[in-house]
Amino acid sequence: MKARRDVYQAIADPTRRAIISMIAAEPHNVNTIAEKFDVTRQAISLHIKILTDCGLLAVKQRGRDRFCEARLDRLSEVAAFVDQYRQHWENKLDSLETYLDKLKKERNHGK
């Protein structure tokens, strides 16, 4: 069985992030997506394959058209990863604020 691509690999590319943004609100067919970018249709197909392989989008056949639909629940993995570091930096900034308040009080009492 082939390993799924990593969601982080998928969102690392600006074109793939733009595709995700485009289809987040509503599905688009592959041709409409390709028209929005200044790259070959083949390059867009590769980006779509990578997004599909990591589970960020699904391609559904409707008549002759292939429509891309967002599957953004996989981004919760990224959000959780980033959130742990957000909390780390918030704690650091809270400590800095406490330290600066302490310095300010010491300076005011010294006058």
PDB file of N, CA and C in Angstrom:
ATOM      1  N   MET A   1       0.840  -1.178   0.000  1.00  0.00           N
ATOM      2  CA  MET A   1       0.000   0.000   0.000  1.00  0.00           C
ATOM      3  C   MET A   1       0.887   1.244   0.000  1.00  0.00           C
ATOM      4  N   LYS A   2       0.577   2.202  -0.852  1.00  0.00           N
ATOM      5  CA  LYS A   2       1.352   3.425  -0.965  1.00  0.00           C
ATOM      6  C   LYS A   2       1.072   4.344   0.226  1.00  0.00           C
ATOM      7  N   ALA A   3       2.144   4.918   0.792  1.00  0.00           N
ATOM      8  CA  ALA A   3       1.966   5.844   1.918  1.00  0.00           C
ATOM      9  C   ALA A   3       1.334   7.142   1.421  1.00  0.00           C
ATOM     10  N   ARG A   4       0.468   7.676   2.227  1.00  0.00           N
ATOM     11  CA  ARG A   4      -0.155   8.961   1.899  1.00  0.00           C
ATOM     12  C   ARG A   4       0.878  10.060   2.035  1.00  0.00           C
ATOM     13  N   ARG A   5       0.710  11.064   1.210  1.00  0.00           N
ATOM     14  CA  ARG A   5       1.593  12.223   1.328  1.00  0.00           C
ATOM     15  C   ARG A   5       1.277  12.976   2.609  1.00  0.00           C
ATOM     16  N   ASP A   6       2.250  13.708   3.049  1.00  0.00           N
ATOM     17  CA  ASP A   6       2.142  14.497   4.269  1.00  0.00           C
ATOM     18  C   ASP A   6       1.402  15.798   3.976  1.00  0.00           C
ATOM     19  N   VAL A   7       0.465  16.171   4.841  1.00  0.00           N
ATOM     20  CA  VAL A   7      -0.313  17.399   4.664  1.00  0.00           C
ATOM     21  C   VAL A   7       0.602  18.622   4.706  1.00  0.00           C
ATOM     22  N   TYR A   8       1.691  18.540   5.469  1.00  0.00           N
ATOM     23  CA  TYR A   8       2.634  19.660   5.543  1.00  0.00           C
ATOM     24  C   TYR A   8       3.340  19.865   4.201  1.00  0.00           C
ATOM     25  N   GLN A   9       3.651  18.783   3.531  1.00  0.00           N
ATOM     26  CA  GLN A   9       4.263  18.868   2.207  1.00  0.00           C
ATOM     27  C   GLN A   9       3.305  19.558   1.245  1.00  0.00           C
ATOM     28  N   ALA A  10       2.053  19.239   1.365  1.00  0.00           N
ATOM     29  CA  ALA A  10       1.058  19.805   0.449  1.00  0.00           C
ATOM     30  C   ALA A  10       0.912  21.312   0.631  1.00  0.00           C
ATOM     31  N   ILE A  11       0.858  21.767   1.872  1.00  0.00           N
ATOM     32  CA  ILE A  11       0.629  23.199   2.094  1.00  0.00           C
ATOM     33  C   ILE A  11       1.913  24.016   2.026  1.00  0.00           C
ATOM     34  N   ALA A  12       3.045  23.359   1.850  1.00  0.00           N
ATOM     35  CA  ALA A  12       4.316  24.080   1.737  1.00  0.00           C
ATOM     36  C   ALA A  12       4.403  24.869   0.431  1.00  0.00           C
ATOM     37  N   ASP A  13       3.662  24.458  -0.576  1.00  0.00           N
ATOM     38  CA  ASP A  13       3.734  25.096  -1.890  1.00  0.00           C
ATOM     39  C   ASP A  13       2.673  26.184  -2.029  1.00  0.00           C
ATOM     40  N   PRO A  14       3.071  27.398  -2.455  1.00  0.00           N
ATOM     41  CA  PRO A  14       2.097  28.498  -2.578  1.00  0.00           C
ATOM     42  C   PRO A  14       0.988  28.228  -3.601  1.00  0.00           C
ATOM     43  N   THR A  15       1.293  27.508  -4.668  1.00  0.00           N
ATOM     44  CA  THR A  15       0.262  27.190  -5.661  1.00  0.00           C
ATOM     45  C   THR A  15      -0.784  26.271  -5.054  1.00  0.00           C
ATOM     46  N   ARG A  16      -0.343  25.286  -4.286  1.00  0.00           N
ATOM     47  CA  ARG A  16      -1.302  24.371  -3.655  1.00  0.00           C
ATOM     48  C   ARG A  16      -2.135  25.103  -2.609  1.00  0.00           C
ATOM     49  N   ARG A  17      -1.516  26.025  -1.865  1.00  0.00           N
ATOM     50  CA  ARG A  17      -2.299  26.808  -0.902  1.00  0.00           C
ATOM     51  C   ARG A  17      -3.342  27.650  -1.627  1.00  0.00           C
ATOM     52  N   ALA A  18      -2.972  28.197  -2.788  1.00  0.00           N
ATOM     53  CA  ALA A  18      -3.927  28.997  -3.575  1.00  0.00           C
ATOM     54  C   ALA A  18      -5.070  28.121  -4.088  1.00  0.00           C
ATOM     55  N   ILE A  19      -4.767  26.908  -4.496  1.00  0.00           N
ATOM     56  CA  ILE A  19      -5.808  25.980  -4.958  1.00  0.00           C
ATOM     57  C   ILE A  19      -6.763  25.668  -3.805  1.00  0.00           C
ATOM     58  N   ILE A  20      -6.202  25.401  -2.622  1.00  0.00           N
ATOM     59  CA  ILE A  20      -7.046  25.122  -1.452  1.00  0.00           C
ATOM     60  C   ILE A  20      -7.965  26.308  -1.180  1.00  0.00           C
ATOM     61  N   SER A  21      -7.404  27.518  -1.209  1.00  0.00           N
ATOM     62  CA  SER A  21      -8.217  28.717  -0.968  1.00  0.00           C
ATOM     63  C   SER A  21      -9.325  28.849  -2.000  1.00  0.00           C
ATOM     64  N   MET A  22      -9.006  28.526  -3.237  1.00  0.00           N
ATOM     65  CA  MET A  22      -9.973  28.652  -4.321  1.00  0.00           C
ATOM     66  C   MET A  22     -11.150  27.702  -4.146  1.00  0.00           C
ATOM     67  N   ILE A  23     -10.866  26.474  -3.743  1.00  0.00           N
ATOM     68  CA  ILE A  23     -11.941  25.477  -3.662  1.00  0.00           C
ATOM     69  C   ILE A  23     -12.561  25.373  -2.272  1.00  0.00           C
ATOM     70  N   ALA A  24     -12.028  26.125  -1.302  1.00  0.00           N
ATOM     71  CA  ALA A  24     -12.554  26.035   0.072  1.00  0.00           C
ATOM     72  C   ALA A  24     -14.025  26.426   0.127  1.00  0.00           C
ATOM     73  N   ALA A  25     -14.403  27.469  -0.607  1.00  0.00           N
ATOM     74  CA  ALA A  25     -15.786  27.957  -0.561  1.00  0.00           C
ATOM     75  C   ALA A  25     -16.718  27.100  -1.405  1.00  0.00           C
ATOM     76  N   GLU A  26     -16.231  26.674  -2.571  1.00  0.00           N
ATOM     77  CA  GLU A  26     -17.059  25.853  -3.449  1.00  0.00           C
ATOM     78  C   GLU A  26     -16.183  25.045  -4.401  1.00  0.00           C
ATOM     79  N   PRO A  27     -16.655  23.889  -4.819  1.00  0.00           N
ATOM     80  CA  PRO A  27     -15.884  23.065  -5.748  1.00  0.00           C
ATOM     81  C   PRO A  27     -15.677  23.782  -7.090  1.00  0.00           C
ATOM     82  N   HIS A  28     -14.561  23.504  -7.715  1.00  0.00           N
ATOM     83  CA  HIS A  28     -14.257  24.025  -9.050  1.00  0.00           C
ATOM     84  C   HIS A  28     -13.801  22.859  -9.909  1.00  0.00           C
ATOM     85  N   ASN A  29     -14.068  22.983 -11.219  1.00  0.00           N
ATOM     86  CA  ASN A  29     -13.551  21.930 -12.081  1.00  0.00           C
ATOM     87  C   ASN A  29     -12.073  22.191 -12.355  1.00  0.00           C
ATOM     88  N   VAL A  30     -11.383  21.148 -12.738  1.00  0.00           N
ATOM     89  CA  VAL A  30      -9.934  21.202 -12.920  1.00  0.00           C
ATOM     90  C   VAL A  30      -9.553  22.269 -13.942  1.00  0.00           C
ATOM     91  N   ASN A  31     -10.302  22.395 -15.031  1.00  0.00           N
ATOM     92  CA  ASN A  31      -9.985  23.394 -16.056  1.00  0.00           C
ATOM     93  C   ASN A  31     -10.087  24.816 -15.513  1.00  0.00           C
ATOM     94  N   THR A  32     -11.101  25.094 -14.707  1.00  0.00           N
ATOM     95  CA  THR A  32     -11.263  26.418 -14.105  1.00  0.00           C
ATOM     96  C   THR A  32     -10.083  26.723 -13.191  1.00  0.00           C
ATOM     97  N   ILE A  33      -9.658  25.741 -12.429  1.00  0.00           N
ATOM     98  CA  ILE A  33      -8.500  25.926 -11.553  1.00  0.00           C
ATOM     99  C   ILE A  33      -7.260  26.223 -12.404  1.00  0.00           C
ATOM    100  N   ALA A  34      -7.040  25.428 -13.429  1.00  0.00           N
ATOM    101  CA  ALA A  34      -5.849  25.588 -14.277  1.00  0.00           C
ATOM    102  C   ALA A  34      -5.799  26.961 -14.939  1.00  0.00           C
ATOM    103  N   GLU A  35      -6.955  27.499 -15.307  1.00  0.00           N
ATOM    104  CA  GLU A  35      -7.006  28.811 -15.966  1.00  0.00           C
ATOM    105  C   GLU A  35      -6.544  29.943 -15.053  1.00  0.00           C
ATOM    106  N   LYS A  36      -6.612  29.744 -13.754  1.00  0.00           N
ATOM    107  CA  LYS A  36      -6.262  30.801 -12.794  1.00  0.00           C
ATOM    108  C   LYS A  36      -4.755  30.924 -12.552  1.00  0.00           C
ATOM    109  N   PHE A  37      -3.987  29.982 -13.074  1.00  0.00           N
ATOM    110  CA  PHE A  37      -2.554  29.956 -12.800  1.00  0.00           C
ATOM    111  C   PHE A  37      -1.746  30.039 -14.090  1.00  0.00           C
ATOM    112  N   ASP A  38      -0.584  30.632 -13.968  1.00  0.00           N
ATOM    113  CA  ASP A  38       0.298  30.791 -15.119  1.00  0.00           C
ATOM    114  C   ASP A  38       1.300  29.638 -15.176  1.00  0.00           C
ATOM    115  N   VAL A  39       0.761  28.433 -15.118  1.00  0.00           N
ATOM    116  CA  VAL A  39       1.567  27.219 -15.254  1.00  0.00           C
ATOM    117  C   VAL A  39       0.800  26.265 -16.167  1.00  0.00           C
ATOM    118  N   THR A  40       1.434  25.184 -16.551  1.00  0.00           N
ATOM    119  CA  THR A  40       0.788  24.239 -17.467  1.00  0.00           C
ATOM    120  C   THR A  40      -0.342  23.485 -16.765  1.00  0.00           C
ATOM    121  N   ARG A  41      -1.234  22.989 -17.561  1.00  0.00           N
ATOM    122  CA  ARG A  41      -2.339  22.155 -17.052  1.00  0.00           C
ATOM    123  C   ARG A  41      -1.765  20.923 -16.361  1.00  0.00           C
ATOM    124  N   GLN A  42      -0.665  20.404 -16.913  1.00  0.00           N
ATOM    125  CA  GLN A  42       0.000  19.237 -16.332  1.00  0.00           C
ATOM    126  C   GLN A  42       0.535  19.563 -14.930  1.00  0.00           C
ATOM    127  N   ALA A  43       1.084  20.765 -14.747  1.00  0.00           N
ATOM    128  CA  ALA A  43       1.583  21.166 -13.433  1.00  0.00           C
ATOM    129  C   ALA A  43       0.430  21.254 -12.429  1.00  0.00           C
ATOM    130  N   ILE A  44      -0.696  21.813 -12.856  1.00  0.00           N
ATOM    131  CA  ILE A  44      -1.870  21.905 -11.969  1.00  0.00           C
ATOM    132  C   ILE A  44      -2.363  20.502 -11.624  1.00  0.00           C
ATOM    133  N   SER A  45      -2.376  19.610 -12.598  1.00  0.00           N
ATOM    134  CA  SER A  45      -2.796  18.229 -12.334  1.00  0.00           C
ATOM    135  C   SER A  45      -1.907  17.574 -11.281  1.00  0.00           C
ATOM    136  N   LEU A  46      -0.611  17.860 -11.328  1.00  0.00           N
ATOM    137  CA  LEU A  46       0.302  17.307 -10.324  1.00  0.00           C
ATOM    138  C   LEU A  46      -0.006  17.893  -8.946  1.00  0.00           C
ATOM    139  N   HIS A  47      -0.249  19.201  -8.880  1.00  0.00           N
ATOM    140  CA  HIS A  47      -0.612  19.822  -7.604  1.00  0.00           C
ATOM    141  C   HIS A  47      -1.901  19.208  -7.057  1.00  0.00           C
ATOM    142  N   ILE A  48      -2.868  19.002  -7.920  1.00  0.00           N
ATOM    143  CA  ILE A  48      -4.141  18.405  -7.501  1.00  0.00           C
ATOM    144  C   ILE A  48      -3.923  16.976  -7.011  1.00  0.00           C
ATOM    145  N   LYS A  49      -3.043  16.233  -7.672  1.00  0.00           N
ATOM    146  CA  LYS A  49      -2.743  14.866  -7.242  1.00  0.00           C
ATOM    147  C   LYS A  49      -2.121  14.866  -5.848  1.00  0.00           C
ATOM    148  N   ILE A  50      -1.203  15.783  -5.602  1.00  0.00           N
ATOM    149  CA  ILE A  50      -0.565  15.866  -4.286  1.00  0.00           C
ATOM    150  C   ILE A  50      -1.605  16.203  -3.222  1.00  0.00           C
ATOM    151  N   LEU A  51      -2.474  17.168  -3.508  1.00  0.00           N
ATOM    152  CA  LEU A  51      -3.532  17.540  -2.560  1.00  0.00           C
ATOM    153  C   LEU A  51      -4.500  16.391  -2.314  1.00  0.00           C
ATOM    154  N   THR A  52      -4.778  15.617  -3.362  1.00  0.00           N
ATOM    155  CA  THR A  52      -5.653  14.448  -3.236  1.00  0.00           C
ATOM    156  C   THR A  52      -4.970  13.355  -2.416  1.00  0.00           C
ATOM    157  N   ASP A  53      -3.686  13.120  -2.714  1.00  0.00           N
ATOM    158  CA  ASP A  53      -2.939  12.074  -2.002  1.00  0.00           C
ATOM    159  C   ASP A  53      -2.864  12.325  -0.502  1.00  0.00           C
ATOM    160  N   CYS A  54      -2.825  13.588  -0.092  1.00  0.00           N
ATOM    161  CA  CYS A  54      -2.735  13.869   1.346  1.00  0.00           C
ATOM    162  C   CYS A  54      -4.112  14.071   1.962  1.00  0.00           C
ATOM    163  N   GLY A  55      -5.164  13.982   1.164  1.00  0.00           N
ATOM    164  CA  GLY A  55      -6.521  14.039   1.700  1.00  0.00           C
ATOM    165  C   GLY A  55      -7.101  15.432   1.849  1.00  0.00           C
ATOM    166  N   LEU A  56      -6.454  16.458   1.266  1.00  0.00           N
ATOM    167  CA  LEU A  56      -6.981  17.818   1.370  1.00  0.00           C
ATOM    168  C   LEU A  56      -8.028  18.145   0.323  1.00  0.00           C
ATOM    169  N   LEU A  57      -8.121  17.321  -0.694  1.00  0.00           N
ATOM    170  CA  LEU A  57      -9.203  17.504  -1.658  1.00  0.00           C
ATOM    171  C   LEU A  57      -9.593  16.182  -2.270  1.00  0.00           C
ATOM    172  N   ALA A  58     -10.804  16.156  -2.773  1.00  0.00           N
ATOM    173  CA  ALA A  58     -11.326  14.975  -3.468  1.00  0.00           C
ATOM    174  C   ALA A  58     -11.736  15.418  -4.862  1.00  0.00           C
ATOM    175  N   VAL A  59     -11.501  14.550  -5.829  1.00  0.00           N
ATOM    176  CA  VAL A  59     -11.894  14.844  -7.205  1.00  0.00           C
ATOM    177  C   VAL A  59     -13.078  13.950  -7.539  1.00  0.00           C
ATOM    178  N   LYS A  60     -14.157  14.592  -7.985  1.00  0.00           N
ATOM    179  CA  LYS A  60     -15.374  13.852  -8.339  1.00  0.00           C
ATOM    180  C   LYS A  60     -15.706  14.110  -9.797  1.00  0.00           C
ATOM    181  N   GLN A  61     -16.052  13.036 -10.476  1.00  0.00           N
ATOM    182  CA  GLN A  61     -16.433  13.137 -11.882  1.00  0.00           C
ATOM    183  C   GLN A  61     -17.896  13.538 -11.986  1.00  0.00           C
ATOM    184  N   ARG A  62     -18.186  14.601 -12.745  1.00  0.00           N
ATOM    185  CA  ARG A  62     -19.562  15.021 -13.033  1.00  0.00           C
ATOM    186  C   ARG A  62     -19.671  15.191 -14.536  1.00  0.00           C
ATOM    187  N   GLY A  63     -20.261  14.195 -15.169  1.00  0.00           N
ATOM    188  CA  GLY A  63     -20.298  14.217 -16.626  1.00  0.00           C
ATOM    189  C   GLY A  63     -18.888  14.140 -17.167  1.00  0.00           C
ATOM    190  N   ARG A  64     -18.530  15.094 -18.018  1.00  0.00           N
ATOM    191  CA  ARG A  64     -17.176  15.117 -18.576  1.00  0.00           C
ATOM    192  C   ARG A  64     -16.185  15.849 -17.679  1.00  0.00           C
ATOM    193  N   ASP A  65     -16.696  16.587 -16.707  1.00  0.00           N
ATOM    194  CA  ASP A  65     -15.832  17.415 -15.866  1.00  0.00           C
ATOM    195  C   ASP A  65     -15.399  16.698 -14.603  1.00  0.00           C
ATOM    196  N   ARG A  66     -14.196  17.049 -14.150  1.00  0.00           N
ATOM    197  CA  ARG A  66     -13.680  16.579 -12.867  1.00  0.00           C
ATOM    198  C   ARG A  66     -13.672  17.775 -11.921  1.00  0.00           C
ATOM    199  N   PHE A  67     -14.427  17.672 -10.826  1.00  0.00           N
ATOM    200  CA  PHE A  67     -14.538  18.757  -9.860  1.00  0.00           C
ATOM    201  C   PHE A  67     -13.710  18.445  -8.618  1.00  0.00           C
ATOM    202  N   CYS A  68     -13.027  19.483  -8.136  1.00  0.00           N
ATOM    203  CA  CYS A  68     -12.224  19.371  -6.926  1.00  0.00           C
ATOM    204  C   CYS A  68     -13.011  19.953  -5.758  1.00  0.00           C
ATOM    205  N   GLU A  69     -13.130  19.160  -4.704  1.00  0.00           N
ATOM    206  CA  GLU A  69     -13.823  19.592  -3.495  1.00  0.00           C
ATOM    207  C   GLU A  69     -12.842  19.574  -2.333  1.00  0.00           C
ATOM    208  N   ALA A  70     -12.886  20.607  -1.510  1.00  0.00           N
ATOM    209  CA  ALA A  70     -11.991  20.712  -0.362  1.00  0.00           C
ATOM    210  C   ALA A  70     -12.371  19.706   0.720  1.00  0.00           C
ATOM    211  N   ARG A  71     -11.372  19.152   1.333  1.00  0.00           N
ATOM    212  CA  ARG A  71     -11.511  18.264   2.493  1.00  0.00           C
ATOM    213  C   ARG A  71     -10.578  18.839   3.566  1.00  0.00           C
ATOM    214  N   LEU A  72     -11.016  19.902   4.204  1.00  0.00           N
ATOM    215  CA  LEU A  72     -10.128  20.691   5.045  1.00  0.00           C
ATOM    216  C   LEU A  72      -9.936  20.159   6.459  1.00  0.00           C
ATOM    217  N   ASP A  73     -10.626  19.071   6.816  1.00  0.00           N
ATOM    218  CA  ASP A  73     -10.478  18.527   8.161  1.00  0.00           C
ATOM    219  C   ASP A  73      -9.044  18.096   8.447  1.00  0.00           C
ATOM    220  N   ARG A  74      -8.287  17.740   7.417  1.00  0.00           N
ATOM    221  CA  ARG A  74      -6.883  17.359   7.623  1.00  0.00           C
ATOM    222  C   ARG A  74      -6.043  18.548   8.100  1.00  0.00           C
ATOM    223  N   LEU A  75      -6.509  19.777   7.835  1.00  0.00           N
ATOM    224  CA  LEU A  75      -5.762  20.949   8.288  1.00  0.00           C
ATOM    225  C   LEU A  75      -5.809  21.108   9.802  1.00  0.00           C
ATOM    226  N   SER A  76      -6.740  20.420  10.462  1.00  0.00           N
ATOM    227  CA  SER A  76      -6.795  20.498  11.924  1.00  0.00           C
ATOM    228  C   SER A  76      -5.512  19.953  12.535  1.00  0.00           C
ATOM    229  N   GLU A  77      -4.880  19.003  11.865  1.00  0.00           N
ATOM    230  CA  GLU A  77      -3.586  18.467  12.303  1.00  0.00           C
ATOM    231  C   GLU A  77      -2.539  19.584  12.314  1.00  0.00           C
ATOM    232  N   VAL A  78      -2.542  20.404  11.278  1.00  0.00           N
ATOM    233  CA  VAL A  78      -1.607  21.523  11.179  1.00  0.00           C
ATOM    234  C   VAL A  78      -1.942  22.572  12.238  1.00  0.00           C
ATOM    235  N   ALA A  79      -3.222  22.862  12.390  1.00  0.00           N
ATOM    236  CA  ALA A  79      -3.647  23.860  13.374  1.00  0.00           C
ATOM    237  C   ALA A  79      -3.222  23.441  14.784  1.00  0.00           C
ATOM    238  N   ALA A  80      -3.362  22.179  15.108  1.00  0.00           N
ATOM    239  CA  ALA A  80      -2.973  21.687  16.438  1.00  0.00           C
ATOM    240  C   ALA A  80      -1.466  21.815  16.630  1.00  0.00           C
ATOM    241  N   PHE A  81      -0.705  21.511  15.592  1.00  0.00           N
ATOM    242  CA  PHE A  81       0.749  21.624  15.660  1.00  0.00           C
ATOM    243  C   PHE A  81       1.164  23.073  15.895  1.00  0.00           C
ATOM    244  N   VAL A  82       0.593  23.979  15.114  1.00  0.00           N
ATOM    245  CA  VAL A  82       0.928  25.397  15.234  1.00  0.00           C
ATOM    246  C   VAL A  82       0.449  25.948  16.575  1.00  0.00           C
ATOM    247  N   ASP A  83      -0.705  25.493  17.029  1.00  0.00           N
ATOM    248  CA  ASP A  83      -1.283  25.999  18.268  1.00  0.00           C
ATOM    249  C   ASP A  83      -0.389  25.744  19.469  1.00  0.00           C
ATOM    250  N   GLN A  84       0.292  24.602  19.490  1.00  0.00           N
ATOM    251  CA  GLN A  84       1.168  24.316  20.629  1.00  0.00           C
ATOM    252  C   GLN A  84       2.303  25.334  20.704  1.00  0.00           C
ATOM    253  N   TYR A  85       2.757  25.803  19.564  1.00  0.00           N
ATOM    254  CA  TYR A  85       3.818  26.809  19.554  1.00  0.00           C
ATOM    255  C   TYR A  85       3.267  28.206  19.815  1.00  0.00           C
ATOM    256  N   ARG A  86       2.046  28.450  19.426  1.00  0.00           N
ATOM    257  CA  ARG A  86       1.398  29.720  19.754  1.00  0.00           C
ATOM    258  C   ARG A  86       1.314  29.851  21.264  1.00  0.00           C
ATOM    259  N   GLN A  87       0.914  28.788  21.923  1.00  0.00           N
ATOM    260  CA  GLN A  87       0.818  28.795  23.386  1.00  0.00           C
ATOM    261  C   GLN A  87       2.188  29.027  24.002  1.00  0.00           C
ATOM    262  N   HIS A  88       3.214  28.420  23.454  1.00  0.00           N
ATOM    263  CA  HIS A  88       4.582  28.604  23.937  1.00  0.00           C
ATOM    264  C   HIS A  88       4.967  30.082  23.877  1.00  0.00           C
ATOM    265  N   TRP A  89       4.716  30.730  22.740  1.00  0.00           N
ATOM    266  CA  TRP A  89       5.093  32.131  22.577  1.00  0.00           C
ATOM    267  C   TRP A  89       4.218  33.056  23.412  1.00  0.00           C
ATOM    268  N   GLU A  90       2.959  32.709  23.590  1.00  0.00           N
ATOM    269  CA  GLU A  90       2.111  33.509  24.478  1.00  0.00           C
ATOM    270  C   GLU A  90       2.639  33.457  25.903  1.00  0.00           C
ATOM    271  N   ASN A  91       3.080  32.282  26.334  1.00  0.00           N
ATOM    272  CA  ASN A  91       3.657  32.145  27.677  1.00  0.00           C
ATOM    273  C   ASN A  91       4.935  32.975  27.807  1.00  0.00           C
ATOM    274  N   LYS A  92       5.762  32.949  26.774  1.00  0.00           N
ATOM    275  CA  LYS A  92       7.000  33.742  26.776  1.00  0.00           C
ATOM    276  C   LYS A  92       6.672  35.235  26.857  1.00  0.00           C
ATOM    277  N   LEU A  93       5.697  35.673  26.081  1.00  0.00           N
ATOM    278  CA  LEU A  93       5.328  37.089  26.095  1.00  0.00           C
ATOM    279  C   LEU A  93       4.703  37.492  27.426  1.00  0.00           C
ATOM    280  N   ASP A  94       3.933  36.596  28.025  1.00  0.00           N
ATOM    281  CA  ASP A  94       3.369  36.877  29.353  1.00  0.00           C
ATOM    282  C   ASP A  94       4.491  37.042  30.381  1.00  0.00           C
ATOM    283  N   SER A  95       5.505  36.183  30.291  1.00  0.00           N
ATOM    284  CA  SER A  95       6.646  36.293  31.211  1.00  0.00           C
ATOM    285  C   SER A  95       7.396  37.597  30.988  1.00  0.00           C
ATOM    286  N   LEU A  96       7.575  37.982  29.759  1.00  0.00           N
ATOM    287  CA  LEU A  96       8.245  39.244  29.444  1.00  0.00           C
ATOM    288  C   LEU A  96       7.447  40.424  29.991  1.00  0.00           C
ATOM    289  N   GLU A  97       6.141  40.379  29.817  1.00  0.00           N
ATOM    290  CA  GLU A  97       5.283  41.453  30.323  1.00  0.00           C
ATOM    291  C   GLU A  97       5.384  41.561  31.850  1.00  0.00           C
ATOM    292  N   THR A  98       5.388  40.433  32.527  1.00  0.00           N
ATOM    293  CA  THR A  98       5.529  40.417  33.989  1.00  0.00           C
ATOM    294  C   THR A  98       6.874  41.017  34.395  1.00  0.00           C
ATOM    295  N   TYR A  99       7.914  40.629  33.689  1.00  0.00           N
ATOM    296  CA  TYR A  99       9.255  41.140  33.980  1.00  0.00           C
ATOM    297  C   TYR A  99       9.322  42.655  33.757  1.00  0.00           C
ATOM    298  N   LEU A 100       8.757  43.134  32.653  1.00  0.00           N
ATOM    299  CA  LEU A 100       8.770  44.573  32.357  1.00  0.00           C
ATOM    300  C   LEU A 100       7.961  45.357  33.390  1.00  0.00           C
ATOM    301  N   ASP A 101       6.842  44.796  33.831  1.00  0.00           N
ATOM    302  CA  ASP A 101       6.051  45.436  34.889  1.00  0.00           C
ATOM    303  C   ASP A 101       6.865  45.550  36.176  1.00  0.00           C
ATOM    304  N   LYS A 102       7.594  44.498  36.487  1.00  0.00           N
ATOM    305  CA  LYS A 102       8.444  44.484  37.686  1.00  0.00           C
ATOM    306  C   LYS A 102       9.513  45.576  37.586  1.00  0.00           C
ATOM    307  N   LEU A 103      10.173  45.678  36.424  1.00  0.00           N
ATOM    308  CA  LEU A 103      11.196  46.709  36.226  1.00  0.00           C
ATOM    309  C   LEU A 103      10.600  48.117  36.354  1.00  0.00           C
ATOM    310  N   LYS A 104       9.432  48.300  35.790  1.00  0.00           N
ATOM    311  CA  LYS A 104       8.764  49.611  35.837  1.00  0.00           C
ATOM    312  C   LYS A 104       8.450  49.993  37.288  1.00  0.00           C
ATOM    313  N   LYS A 105       7.948  49.032  38.069  1.00  0.00           N
ATOM    314  CA  LYS A 105       7.632  49.303  39.479  1.00  0.00           C
ATOM    315  C   LYS A 105       8.908  49.636  40.259  1.00  0.00           C
ATOM    316  N   GLU A 106       9.988  48.896  39.989  1.00  0.00           N
ATOM    317  CA  GLU A 106      11.253  49.154  40.670  1.00  0.00           C
ATOM    318  C   GLU A 106      11.778  50.541  40.337  1.00  0.00           C
ATOM    319  N   ARG A 107      11.659  50.942  39.079  1.00  0.00           N
ATOM    320  CA  ARG A 107      12.135  52.259  38.657  1.00  0.00           C
ATOM    321  C   ARG A 107      11.288  53.362  39.291  1.00  0.00           C
ATOM    322  N   ASN A 108       9.975  53.175  39.339  1.00  0.00           N
ATOM    323  CA  ASN A 108       9.083  54.163  39.933  1.00  0.00           C
ATOM    324  C   ASN A 108       9.313  54.306  41.433  1.00  0.00           C
ATOM    325  N   HIS A 109       9.665  53.209  42.106  1.00  0.00           N
ATOM    326  CA  HIS A 109       9.916  53.283  43.554  1.00  0.00           C
ATOM    327  C   HIS A 109      11.272  53.898  43.838  1.00  0.00           C
ATOM    328  N   GLY A 110      12.162  53.865  42.887  1.00  0.00           N
ATOM    329  CA  GLY A 110      13.497  54.430  43.068  1.00  0.00           C
ATOM    330  C   GLY A 110      13.546  55.930  42.898  1.00  0.00           C
ATOM    331  N   LYS A 111      12.492  56.541  42.405  1.00  0.00           N
ATOM    332  CA  LYS A 111      12.479  57.995  42.157  1.00  0.00           C
ATOM    333  C   LYS A 111      12.145  58.764  43.395  1.00  0.00           C
TER     334      LYS A 111
END
